[in-house]
Amino acid sequence: MELEVKGVAAASKSQIQPFFGRKKPLQQRWTSESWTNQNSCPPVVPRLDLGSLVDSDEDNFSYIPLSTADPQNSSSTLGWITPCQTTYTQHHLNELCVQHEEANTADITTLDRKALLQQGYADNSCDTQQRARKLYAEIVAAEKKKQTVAEQVMIDHLSRAVISDPEQNSAIEQKESDNILPDSKITPLRFRKRTLHETKIRTNSTLTENVLSHKLQFDGRIISRNGRNACRELIGFFFTHDQSLTIYEYRQFGKNRTIVLPFIKKQIYSHQCGRRKGKQYQLGDFYVGATLTFLSSDHLSLPESIKESTLLKLRITNIDQIAMDSLKTTSVEQKDDIISQETNDRLVFKAIQDLLKEKLHKRGVRILTGLGKYFQQLDKEGNGLLDKADFKQALKVFHLEVSEKDFESAWLIMNDNGNGKVDYGEFKRNIIGEMNEYRKSFVRKAFMKLDFNKTGSVPIINIRKCYCAKKHSQVISGHSTEEEIKSWFLETLKVACSKSDEVSYGEFEDYYEGLSIGIVDDEDFVNILRTPWGI
């Protein structure tokens, strides 16, 4: 009597599977005879119906030649697993990947595939209610923070400004010189401390609450690879009555203690670089993604790490849109030709970014982290500036070919000061592009959670402790263990690091910047950060 045995193939946990779900069942049906002809190892059972061997992730070996080969004529390095063959370990899988890379050099590498495994968190829809509560709590905390800073700004400019107004001294000294004869026993007011009785309640330059209420509030961050500076929480205000602006820093110590301090003093400022260099800031210069530039030498109270650079660059991450709409109706701004020039500049960069996007689609993590390390090696002076030859060499090394015409057009825009050197962070942002501010806010949240000592770098051992792979799609399906997913993540992250035992903010950001290139939906990218880091 002939028996027909049906079973389910057991997948080794060490096999790296992409997170995409199975789309359709296997159509071909195999018998044990045809299977035996293709394999030297005899089958264990008389008649093994391979048509019923349907694995939940069988179609997901998109990185192995099986997907493009006919099983009956396949010469793939994977082949078909027989009962007498040893189950695949991570070492076997790496060998397969290397062989496939040698066959097709244009394809992604093993490192790329391991980095892409982070996309296994993208479709995680667990704990929806808990996330909604977390999001609501974050919104409430952010609004409370903004209100605290706004109140401090009003206090500073309604009280302290009056007391320290230079007009206080000049008005009283003029009055003393008109009505009182000089007395050698009384020290002139300019040499002694003014008392409360000698302070006028109001001067010609005194601000009122009504005047200060016409303001635009915005959130900002410092564009820096220094973790301590990049994660500073900055809230700014632009006042339309005199076109001045000020920026405050919100600091939190522990869970309950907070402090609000001026970061950029209230004053009228102008652009320090770009097409608008020398032009005064106006309401139209404030939008999400805009960059504000200040001379570091004008602000002596800035941290030394910031004053090392000539320019302080702040990126606007959020604005009060209701206030913006209200102020736009009452303000009139002059239009100029610079707007069209800036639009043309953006088109030049956009054309290059679109050209390179396909090359970076699945190799983004490896290339962006590699570029960051490469630029650091070329930067012998440590000031973050490189010349044209360095950038051309870097693009050639990483096979990011850009035509000479496009490169020269981009270089003329970036090298606006004509000194022949450009910040390599700015070069990367313009040539390759960058993720939007919504995504970057979660990258900073994750890093701030890891860097609880606020040193600007995180030990690898802390990352291993904090990273949780429990909700990864492959862990849930049983194809991989938590430790395997964690080890693959650490392996790809360490490649980005200049030091073997710690990760800097710039390296952490480069990693997720590269990962972001292949993810279209913002919420999918946010899940990749929320789920393993618990933010």
Protein backbone atom coordinates (compact mmCIF):
# COMPACT_ATOMS: atom_id res chain seq x y z
CA MET A 1 0.00 0.00 0.00
CA GLU A 2 1.42 3.37 -1.00
CA LEU A 3 1.28 6.10 1.59
CA GLU A 4 1.32 9.80 0.96
CA VAL A 5 2.78 11.87 3.79
CA LYS A 6 2.15 15.57 4.13
CA GLY A 7 4.07 17.79 6.48
CA VAL A 8 5.26 21.26 7.18
CA ALA A 9 8.91 22.26 6.77
CA ALA A 10 10.48 23.69 9.87
CA ALA A 11 12.32 26.93 9.23
CA SER A 12 15.59 27.50 11.04
CA LYS A 13 15.52 30.44 13.39
CA SER A 14 18.88 31.58 12.15
CA GLN A 15 17.56 32.26 8.67
CA ILE A 16 17.20 35.98 8.04
CA GLN A 17 13.71 36.64 6.70
CA PRO A 18 12.42 39.98 5.45
CA PHE A 19 9.41 41.23 7.37
CA PHE A 20 6.99 41.28 4.43
CA GLY A 21 4.07 38.88 4.79
CA ARG A 22 3.26 36.02 2.44
CA LYS A 23 1.24 37.16 -0.54
CA LYS A 24 0.16 33.87 -2.23
CA PRO A 25 0.58 30.08 -1.80
CA LEU A 26 3.05 28.02 -3.77
CA GLN A 27 1.51 26.89 -7.06
CA GLN A 28 3.80 24.02 -8.14
CA ARG A 29 3.38 20.54 -6.65
CA TRP A 30 6.38 18.23 -6.40
CA THR A 31 6.54 14.49 -5.86
CA SER A 32 9.27 12.55 -4.12
CA GLU A 33 10.47 11.03 -7.45
CA SER A 34 11.15 14.37 -9.14
CA TRP A 35 12.65 15.68 -5.93
CA THR A 36 15.00 12.70 -5.70
CA ASN A 37 16.27 13.30 -9.22
CA GLN A 38 17.45 16.74 -8.19
CA ASN A 39 19.07 15.71 -4.91
CA SER A 40 21.65 13.05 -4.13
CA CYS A 41 20.33 12.46 -0.61
CA PRO A 42 17.50 9.91 -0.60
CA PRO A 43 14.19 10.90 0.99
CA VAL A 44 13.27 9.51 4.39
CA VAL A 45 9.62 8.78 3.55
CA PRO A 46 8.36 6.87 0.47
CA ARG A 47 6.20 9.58 -1.08
CA LEU A 48 6.71 13.10 0.14
CA ASP A 49 4.22 15.54 -1.38
CA LEU A 50 6.19 18.76 -1.45
CA GLY A 51 3.22 20.69 -2.77
CA SER A 52 1.87 20.82 0.74
CA LEU A 53 5.08 22.19 2.20
CA VAL A 54 3.80 25.72 2.52
CA ASP A 55 5.86 27.87 4.84
CA SER A 56 4.39 31.18 5.99
CA ASP A 57 7.41 33.16 4.77
CA GLU A 58 8.49 30.97 1.84
CA ASP A 59 8.14 33.67 -0.78
CA ASN A 60 10.19 36.09 1.25
CA PHE A 61 13.64 34.89 0.14
CA SER A 62 13.82 37.89 -2.17
CA TYR A 63 17.54 38.23 -1.57
CA ILE A 64 18.33 34.63 -2.66
CA PRO A 65 18.23 33.55 -6.34
CA LEU A 66 15.32 31.16 -5.68
CA SER A 67 12.88 33.94 -6.46
CA THR A 68 14.02 34.17 -10.07
CA ALA A 69 14.90 30.52 -10.79
CA ASP A 70 12.82 27.55 -11.83
CA PRO A 71 12.95 25.02 -8.95
CA GLN A 72 13.37 22.05 -11.29
CA ASN A 73 16.36 23.63 -13.06
CA SER A 74 17.69 25.67 -10.20
CA SER A 75 21.42 25.97 -9.59
CA SER A 76 20.88 28.19 -6.59
CA THR A 77 23.31 27.97 -3.72
CA LEU A 78 20.36 27.48 -1.37
CA GLY A 79 18.90 24.41 -3.07
CA TRP A 80 16.26 22.44 -1.23
CA ILE A 81 16.75 21.34 2.37
CA THR A 82 16.59 17.61 2.82
CA PRO A 83 16.04 15.74 6.07
CA CYS A 84 19.67 14.62 6.14
CA GLN A 85 21.05 18.12 5.65
CA THR A 86 22.19 20.23 8.57
CA THR A 87 19.92 23.15 9.43
CA TYR A 88 21.22 26.53 8.33
CA THR A 89 23.09 28.61 10.83
CA GLN A 90 23.93 32.30 10.60
CA HIS A 91 27.35 31.32 9.19
CA HIS A 92 25.72 29.34 6.36
CA LEU A 93 23.42 32.23 5.60
CA ASN A 94 26.32 34.67 5.42
CA GLU A 95 28.07 32.34 2.96
CA LEU A 96 24.97 32.32 0.78
CA CYS A 97 24.75 36.08 0.85
CA VAL A 98 28.42 36.49 -0.05
CA GLN A 99 28.09 34.08 -2.98
CA HIS A 100 25.05 35.94 -4.22
CA GLU A 101 26.89 39.25 -3.94
CA GLU A 102 29.74 37.87 -6.05
CA ALA A 103 27.22 36.82 -8.68
CA ASN A 104 25.49 40.19 -8.73
CA THR A 105 27.65 43.08 -7.51
CA ALA A 106 24.85 45.59 -8.10
CA ASP A 107 22.70 43.94 -5.44
CA ILE A 108 22.66 44.78 -1.74
CA THR A 109 25.14 43.25 0.70
CA THR A 110 24.69 41.16 3.83
CA LEU A 111 25.10 44.27 5.95
CA ASP A 112 22.32 45.99 4.00
CA ARG A 113 19.98 43.06 4.55
CA LYS A 114 20.62 43.02 8.27
CA ALA A 115 19.99 46.75 8.46
CA LEU A 116 16.74 46.35 6.52
CA LEU A 117 15.53 43.93 9.18
CA GLN A 118 14.69 47.00 11.27
CA GLN A 119 11.73 47.45 8.96
CA GLY A 120 10.20 44.51 10.80
CA TYR A 121 8.82 47.03 13.31
CA ALA A 122 7.17 49.19 10.64
CA ASP A 123 3.85 47.35 10.48
CA ASN A 124 3.60 46.85 14.24
CA SER A 125 0.06 47.81 15.21
CA CYS A 126 0.09 46.40 18.72
CA ASP A 127 -0.93 48.42 21.77
CA THR A 128 -2.79 51.06 19.74
CA GLN A 129 -4.65 52.38 22.78
CA GLN A 130 -1.49 52.56 24.87
CA ARG A 131 0.29 54.50 22.13
CA ALA A 132 -2.64 56.87 21.83
CA ARG A 133 -2.44 57.58 25.56
CA LYS A 134 1.31 58.10 25.29
CA LEU A 135 0.86 60.49 22.39
CA TYR A 136 -1.75 62.47 24.26
CA ALA A 137 0.53 62.72 27.30
CA GLU A 138 3.39 63.93 25.07
CA ILE A 139 1.17 66.62 23.54
CA VAL A 140 0.04 67.85 26.95
CA ALA A 141 3.63 67.93 28.25
CA ALA A 142 4.81 69.83 25.17
CA GLU A 143 2.07 72.45 25.51
CA LYS A 144 2.85 72.88 29.20
CA LYS A 145 6.52 73.34 28.35
CA LYS A 146 5.74 75.99 25.74
CA GLN A 147 3.46 77.83 28.14
CA THR A 148 6.19 77.88 30.78
CA VAL A 149 8.70 79.36 28.34
CA ALA A 150 6.20 81.94 27.04
CA GLU A 151 5.46 83.13 30.58
CA GLN A 152 9.17 83.48 31.32
CA VAL A 153 9.67 85.54 28.15
CA MET A 154 6.88 87.92 29.16
CA ILE A 155 8.34 88.29 32.67
CA ASP A 156 11.82 89.00 31.31
CA HIS A 157 10.72 91.64 28.84
CA LEU A 158 8.02 93.34 30.91
CA SER A 159 9.96 93.75 34.15
CA ARG A 160 13.69 93.25 33.72
CA ALA A 161 13.74 95.27 30.50
CA VAL A 162 12.25 98.28 32.28
CA ILE A 163 14.71 98.18 35.17
CA SER A 164 17.76 97.76 32.93
CA ASP A 165 16.64 100.28 30.28
CA PRO A 166 19.53 102.75 29.66
CA GLU A 167 16.94 105.53 29.43
CA GLN A 168 16.39 105.21 33.18
CA ASN A 169 19.84 106.64 33.89
CA SER A 170 19.85 109.30 31.19
CA ALA A 171 16.46 110.72 32.16
CA ILE A 172 17.27 111.00 35.87
CA GLU A 173 20.76 112.39 35.27
CA GLN A 174 19.31 115.06 33.01
CA LYS A 175 16.79 115.97 35.69
CA GLU A 176 19.52 116.13 38.35
CA SER A 177 21.70 118.38 36.21
CA ASP A 178 18.78 120.77 35.61
CA ASN A 179 17.50 121.15 39.19
CA ILE A 180 20.24 120.11 41.58
CA LEU A 181 23.60 121.71 42.04
CA PRO A 182 26.60 119.40 41.98
CA ASP A 183 27.43 117.98 45.39
CA SER A 184 30.86 116.53 45.94
CA LYS A 185 29.50 114.21 48.63
CA ILE A 186 26.96 112.55 46.30
CA THR A 187 28.30 110.05 43.78
CA PRO A 188 26.85 110.53 40.27
CA LEU A 189 24.12 108.05 39.39
CA ARG A 190 26.13 106.44 36.62
CA PHE A 191 28.65 105.27 39.26
CA ARG A 192 26.20 104.02 41.87
CA LYS A 193 23.35 101.53 41.97
CA ARG A 194 19.94 102.99 41.16
CA THR A 195 17.32 102.54 43.87
CA LEU A 196 13.72 101.54 43.34
CA HIS A 197 12.53 105.15 44.00
CA GLU A 198 14.76 106.42 41.23
CA THR A 199 13.38 103.93 38.68
CA LYS A 200 10.71 105.14 36.30
CA ILE A 201 7.77 102.82 35.76
CA ARG A 202 7.66 103.58 32.06
CA THR A 203 10.12 104.89 29.48
CA ASN A 204 9.75 105.59 25.79
CA SER A 205 11.11 102.16 24.89
CA THR A 206 9.15 100.24 27.51
CA LEU A 207 7.32 97.21 26.08
CA THR A 208 3.74 96.38 26.99
CA GLU A 209 1.98 93.06 27.13
CA ASN A 210 -0.15 94.07 24.16
CA VAL A 211 2.95 94.81 22.06
CA LEU A 212 4.65 91.55 23.00
CA SER A 213 1.52 89.54 22.25
CA HIS A 214 2.07 90.04 18.50
CA LYS A 215 4.63 87.26 18.25
CA LEU A 216 5.27 83.97 16.47
CA GLN A 217 6.38 81.08 18.63
CA PHE A 218 8.50 78.30 17.13
CA ASP A 219 10.51 75.26 18.20
CA GLY A 220 14.09 74.80 17.03
CA ARG A 221 17.12 72.57 17.20
CA ILE A 222 20.82 73.16 16.64
CA ILE A 223 22.21 71.59 13.47
CA SER A 224 25.16 69.75 14.94
CA ARG A 225 26.72 66.30 15.18
CA ASN A 226 27.42 67.02 18.83
CA GLY A 227 24.81 65.12 20.82
CA ARG A 228 24.58 67.59 23.70
CA ASN A 229 23.95 70.51 21.36
CA ALA A 230 21.70 68.70 18.89
CA CYS A 231 19.34 67.59 21.68
CA ARG A 232 18.91 71.01 23.33
CA GLU A 233 15.25 71.99 23.58
CA LEU A 234 14.95 75.48 22.11
CA ILE A 235 11.83 77.64 21.83
CA GLY A 236 11.98 80.94 19.95
CA PHE A 237 9.81 84.01 19.50
CA PHE A 238 9.67 86.46 16.60
CA PHE A 239 8.08 89.83 17.47
CA THR A 240 6.44 91.62 14.57
CA HIS A 241 6.35 95.10 16.18
CA ASP A 242 10.11 95.56 15.73
CA GLN A 243 11.13 92.43 13.72
CA SER A 244 13.25 91.17 16.61
CA LEU A 245 13.61 87.62 17.85
CA THR A 246 14.77 85.76 20.92
CA ILE A 247 15.39 82.09 21.68
CA TYR A 248 15.13 80.36 25.07
CA GLU A 249 16.35 76.98 26.22
CA TYR A 250 14.17 74.69 28.29
CA ARG A 251 16.13 72.45 30.64
CA GLN A 252 14.85 69.66 32.82
CA PHE A 253 16.69 68.17 35.79
CA GLY A 254 15.25 64.87 36.92
CA LYS A 255 11.46 64.52 36.80
CA ASN A 256 10.28 67.71 38.46
CA ARG A 257 12.92 70.43 38.33
CA THR A 258 12.99 72.66 35.25
CA ILE A 259 14.58 75.95 34.28
CA VAL A 260 14.13 78.36 31.37
CA LEU A 261 17.15 80.41 30.28
CA PRO A 262 17.78 82.89 27.44
CA PHE A 263 19.85 81.30 24.68
CA ILE A 264 19.78 84.06 22.06
CA LYS A 265 19.07 87.55 23.46
CA LYS A 266 16.21 89.64 22.04
CA GLN A 267 17.52 91.68 19.16
CA ILE A 268 17.11 92.36 15.45
CA TYR A 269 19.14 89.79 13.49
CA SER A 270 20.07 89.19 9.86
CA HIS A 271 20.90 86.15 7.74
CA GLN A 272 24.58 85.23 7.93
CA CYS A 273 24.85 83.03 4.84
CA GLY A 274 23.03 82.04 1.69
CA ARG A 275 21.17 84.15 -0.81
CA ARG A 276 19.75 86.37 1.95
CA LYS A 277 23.04 87.10 3.66
CA GLY A 278 22.87 90.52 5.35
CA LYS A 279 19.08 90.80 5.05
CA GLN A 280 17.00 91.23 8.19
CA TYR A 281 14.78 88.35 9.32
CA GLN A 282 11.13 88.75 8.38
CA LEU A 283 7.97 86.81 9.12
CA GLY A 284 8.23 84.86 5.86
CA ASP A 285 11.60 83.42 6.93
CA PHE A 286 9.93 81.30 9.62
CA TYR A 287 8.53 77.94 8.52
CA VAL A 288 9.16 74.29 9.36
CA GLY A 289 12.52 73.32 7.89
CA ALA A 290 13.88 76.88 7.69
CA THR A 291 17.43 77.53 8.92
CA LEU A 292 18.35 80.52 11.09
CA THR A 293 22.00 81.55 11.23
CA PHE A 294 23.79 83.61 13.91
CA LEU A 295 27.39 84.63 14.48
CA SER A 296 28.71 82.68 17.46
CA SER A 297 31.01 85.56 18.40
CA ASP A 298 27.98 87.81 19.06
CA HIS A 299 26.77 85.56 21.89
CA LEU A 300 29.39 85.18 24.58
CA SER A 301 27.13 83.12 26.83
CA LEU A 302 26.93 80.23 24.36
CA PRO A 303 28.60 76.94 25.32
CA GLU A 304 32.20 76.58 24.19
CA SER A 305 31.34 73.61 21.98
CA ILE A 306 29.00 75.85 19.97
CA LYS A 307 31.41 78.78 19.78
CA GLU A 308 33.99 76.53 18.11
CA SER A 309 32.04 77.08 14.88
CA THR A 310 31.82 80.49 13.27
CA LEU A 311 28.11 80.13 12.61
CA LEU A 312 25.36 78.86 14.85
CA LYS A 313 22.71 77.20 12.67
CA LEU A 314 19.22 76.56 14.03
CA ARG A 315 16.59 74.51 12.24
CA ILE A 316 12.91 75.35 12.84
CA THR A 317 11.08 72.13 13.71
CA ASN A 318 7.60 73.44 14.50
CA ILE A 319 5.69 76.73 14.45
CA ASP A 320 2.46 78.09 15.89
CA GLN A 321 0.43 77.95 12.69
CA ILE A 322 -2.58 79.77 14.18
CA ALA A 323 -0.39 82.72 15.16
CA MET A 324 1.30 82.65 11.76
CA ASP A 325 -2.02 82.86 9.91
CA SER A 326 -3.13 85.72 12.14
CA LEU A 327 0.10 87.70 11.71
CA LYS A 328 0.19 87.20 7.95
CA THR A 329 -3.11 89.06 7.56
CA THR A 330 -1.77 92.16 9.33
CA SER A 331 1.80 92.22 8.01
CA VAL A 332 2.97 93.21 4.55
CA GLU A 333 6.27 91.86 3.29
CA GLN A 334 8.08 92.95 0.19
CA LYS A 335 8.72 90.30 -2.45
CA ASP A 336 12.11 90.13 -4.09
CA ASP A 337 14.02 88.17 -6.69
CA ILE A 338 15.75 86.08 -4.03
CA ILE A 339 12.68 83.85 -3.75
CA SER A 340 13.01 82.69 -7.37
CA GLN A 341 16.76 82.18 -6.92
CA GLU A 342 16.20 80.02 -3.84
CA THR A 343 13.58 78.03 -5.73
CA ASN A 344 16.09 77.35 -8.51
CA ASP A 345 18.68 76.29 -5.92
CA ARG A 346 16.26 73.77 -4.46
CA LEU A 347 15.54 72.37 -7.92
CA VAL A 348 19.27 71.83 -8.52
CA PHE A 349 19.60 69.83 -5.29
CA LYS A 350 16.34 67.97 -5.91
CA ALA A 351 17.54 66.74 -9.30
CA ILE A 352 20.71 65.31 -7.75
CA GLN A 353 18.82 63.75 -4.84
CA ASP A 354 16.36 62.04 -7.19
CA LEU A 355 19.28 60.67 -9.21
CA LEU A 356 20.92 59.15 -6.13
CA LYS A 357 17.75 58.00 -4.41
CA GLU A 358 17.49 54.73 -6.34
CA LYS A 359 21.10 53.86 -5.53
CA LEU A 360 20.49 54.53 -1.85
CA HIS A 361 17.11 52.82 -1.61
CA LYS A 362 18.34 49.62 0.08
CA ARG A 363 21.94 50.62 0.73
CA GLY A 364 21.22 53.84 2.61
CA VAL A 365 22.44 52.73 6.04
CA ARG A 366 25.78 51.42 4.79
CA ILE A 367 26.50 54.35 2.49
CA LEU A 368 25.44 57.19 4.79
CA THR A 369 27.23 55.80 7.81
CA GLY A 370 30.26 55.09 5.64
CA LEU A 371 30.22 58.63 4.26
CA GLY A 372 30.12 60.05 7.78
CA LYS A 373 33.21 58.10 8.82
CA TYR A 374 34.97 58.87 5.55
CA PHE A 375 34.41 62.62 5.91
CA GLN A 376 35.74 62.51 9.47
CA GLN A 377 38.92 60.84 8.24
CA LEU A 378 39.40 63.51 5.57
CA ASP A 379 38.76 66.31 8.07
CA LYS A 380 42.31 66.58 9.41
CA GLU A 381 41.72 70.00 11.00
CA GLY A 382 38.57 68.89 12.80
CA ASN A 383 36.50 71.94 11.80
CA GLY A 384 34.02 70.04 9.63
CA LEU A 385 35.12 71.77 6.41
CA LEU A 386 36.32 70.02 3.24
CA ASP A 387 37.21 71.23 -0.25
CA LYS A 388 35.79 70.32 -3.64
CA ALA A 389 38.34 67.59 -4.37
CA ASP A 390 37.49 65.81 -1.11
CA PHE A 391 33.78 65.70 -1.93
CA LYS A 392 34.39 64.47 -5.47
CA GLN A 393 36.63 61.74 -4.13
CA ALA A 394 34.01 60.67 -1.58
CA LEU A 395 31.27 60.40 -4.20
CA LYS A 396 33.57 58.32 -6.38
CA VAL A 397 34.55 55.97 -3.54
CA PHE A 398 30.89 55.25 -2.69
CA HIS A 399 29.83 54.97 -6.36
CA LEU A 400 27.47 57.96 -6.16
CA GLU A 401 28.10 59.28 -9.65
CA VAL A 402 27.01 62.87 -10.29
CA SER A 403 27.60 64.64 -13.60
CA GLU A 404 30.22 67.38 -13.66
CA LYS A 405 27.59 69.96 -14.60
CA ASP A 406 25.29 69.08 -11.70
CA PHE A 407 28.17 68.98 -9.25
CA GLU A 408 29.48 72.41 -10.30
CA SER A 409 25.99 73.92 -10.08
CA ALA A 410 25.55 72.54 -6.56
CA TRP A 411 29.03 73.63 -5.51
CA LEU A 412 28.43 77.24 -6.56
CA ILE A 413 25.34 77.34 -4.35
CA MET A 414 26.98 75.76 -1.30
CA ASN A 415 30.27 77.69 -1.56
CA ASP A 416 28.52 81.06 -1.21
CA ASN A 417 31.38 82.64 0.74
CA GLY A 418 33.92 81.72 -1.92
CA ASN A 419 36.54 80.26 0.42
CA GLY A 420 36.57 76.91 -1.38
CA LYS A 421 35.43 74.88 1.64
CA VAL A 422 32.00 73.59 2.66
CA ASP A 423 30.75 71.91 5.83
CA TYR A 424 30.42 68.20 5.04
CA GLY A 425 27.19 67.94 7.02
CA GLU A 426 25.65 70.60 4.80
CA PHE A 427 27.02 68.81 1.74
CA LYS A 428 25.30 65.57 2.74
CA ARG A 429 22.01 67.33 3.45
CA ASN A 430 22.02 69.08 0.07
CA ILE A 431 23.33 66.31 -2.18
CA ILE A 432 21.70 63.26 -0.58
CA GLY A 433 18.81 64.91 1.25
CA GLU A 434 17.55 64.38 4.78
CA MET A 435 14.52 63.05 6.61
CA ASN A 436 11.81 65.50 7.62
CA GLU A 437 11.69 67.15 11.04
CA TYR A 438 8.88 64.90 12.27
CA ARG A 439 11.07 61.83 11.81
CA LYS A 440 14.15 63.54 13.25
CA SER A 441 12.24 64.45 16.40
CA PHE A 442 11.85 60.74 17.19
CA VAL A 443 15.51 60.05 16.43
CA ARG A 444 16.40 62.68 19.04
CA LYS A 445 13.89 61.26 21.51
CA ALA A 446 15.43 57.81 21.20
CA PHE A 447 18.96 59.14 21.62
CA MET A 448 17.98 61.34 24.59
CA LYS A 449 16.48 58.30 26.29
CA LEU A 450 19.74 56.39 25.81
CA ASP A 451 22.00 59.33 26.70
CA PHE A 452 20.57 59.90 30.17
CA ASN A 453 23.88 61.43 31.34
CA LYS A 454 23.73 63.98 28.47
CA THR A 455 27.31 63.34 27.39
CA GLY A 456 26.56 63.27 23.66
CA SER A 457 27.52 59.61 23.21
CA VAL A 458 26.08 56.27 24.34
CA PRO A 459 28.03 53.14 25.33
CA ILE A 460 27.22 50.07 23.24
CA ILE A 461 26.45 48.15 26.42
CA ASN A 462 23.63 50.60 27.22
CA ILE A 463 22.19 50.20 23.74
CA ARG A 464 22.20 46.42 24.16
CA LYS A 465 20.34 46.79 27.47
CA CYS A 466 17.71 49.23 26.15
CA TYR A 467 17.01 47.66 22.75
CA CYS A 468 13.97 45.38 22.86
CA ALA A 469 13.22 43.06 19.91
CA LYS A 470 10.23 41.34 21.51
CA LYS A 471 7.74 42.91 19.07
CA HIS A 472 9.76 42.38 15.89
CA SER A 473 7.70 40.64 13.21
CA GLN A 474 10.19 37.76 12.87
CA VAL A 475 10.31 37.20 16.62
CA ILE A 476 6.52 37.08 16.76
CA SER A 477 6.39 34.64 13.83
CA GLY A 478 9.12 32.49 15.37
CA HIS A 479 11.64 32.77 12.53
CA SER A 480 14.22 34.56 14.69
CA THR A 481 14.94 35.04 18.35
CA GLU A 482 15.16 38.34 20.18
CA GLU A 483 18.89 37.89 20.65
CA GLU A 484 19.43 37.33 16.92
CA ILE A 485 17.55 40.49 15.94
CA LYS A 486 19.42 42.47 18.59
CA SER A 487 22.83 41.12 17.53
CA TRP A 488 22.16 41.93 13.86
CA PHE A 489 21.14 45.47 14.78
CA LEU A 490 24.26 45.99 16.89
CA GLU A 491 26.42 44.55 14.13
CA THR A 492 25.15 47.09 11.59
CA LEU A 493 25.28 49.95 14.09
CA LYS A 494 28.88 49.24 15.09
CA VAL A 495 29.95 49.59 11.48
CA ALA A 496 28.87 53.24 11.67
CA CYS A 497 30.92 53.94 14.79
CA SER A 498 34.42 55.36 14.88
CA LYS A 499 34.82 53.88 18.38
CA SER A 500 34.07 50.24 19.06
CA ASP A 501 32.50 50.77 22.48
CA GLU A 502 30.25 53.82 22.00
CA VAL A 503 27.92 55.54 19.54
CA SER A 504 27.86 59.30 19.01
CA TYR A 505 24.72 61.23 18.13
CA GLY A 506 25.98 61.91 14.60
CA GLU A 507 26.54 58.20 13.98
CA PHE A 508 23.15 57.32 15.49
CA GLU A 509 21.45 59.89 13.26
CA ASP A 510 23.33 58.70 10.15
CA TYR A 511 22.12 55.15 10.79
CA TYR A 512 18.45 56.13 10.88
CA GLU A 513 18.93 58.68 8.12
CA GLY A 514 19.99 55.84 5.83
CA LEU A 515 17.15 53.62 7.02
CA SER A 516 14.65 56.42 6.40
CA ILE A 517 15.43 56.54 2.67
CA GLY A 518 13.64 53.27 1.95
CA ILE A 519 10.55 54.01 4.06
CA VAL A 520 7.79 56.08 2.47
CA ASP A 521 5.29 56.41 5.31
CA ASP A 522 6.23 58.57 8.28
CA GLU A 523 4.30 56.43 10.76
CA ASP A 524 6.11 53.28 9.62
CA PHE A 525 9.42 54.99 10.33
CA VAL A 526 8.18 56.23 13.70
CA ASN A 527 7.18 52.66 14.64
CA ILE A 528 10.74 51.53 13.85
CA LEU A 529 11.91 53.90 16.59
CA ARG A 530 9.01 53.65 19.01
CA THR A 531 8.82 49.87 19.26
CA PRO A 532 12.41 48.78 20.08
CA TRP A 533 13.27 51.89 22.14
CA GLY A 534 9.96 52.21 24.00
CA ILE A 535 9.37 55.90 23.21
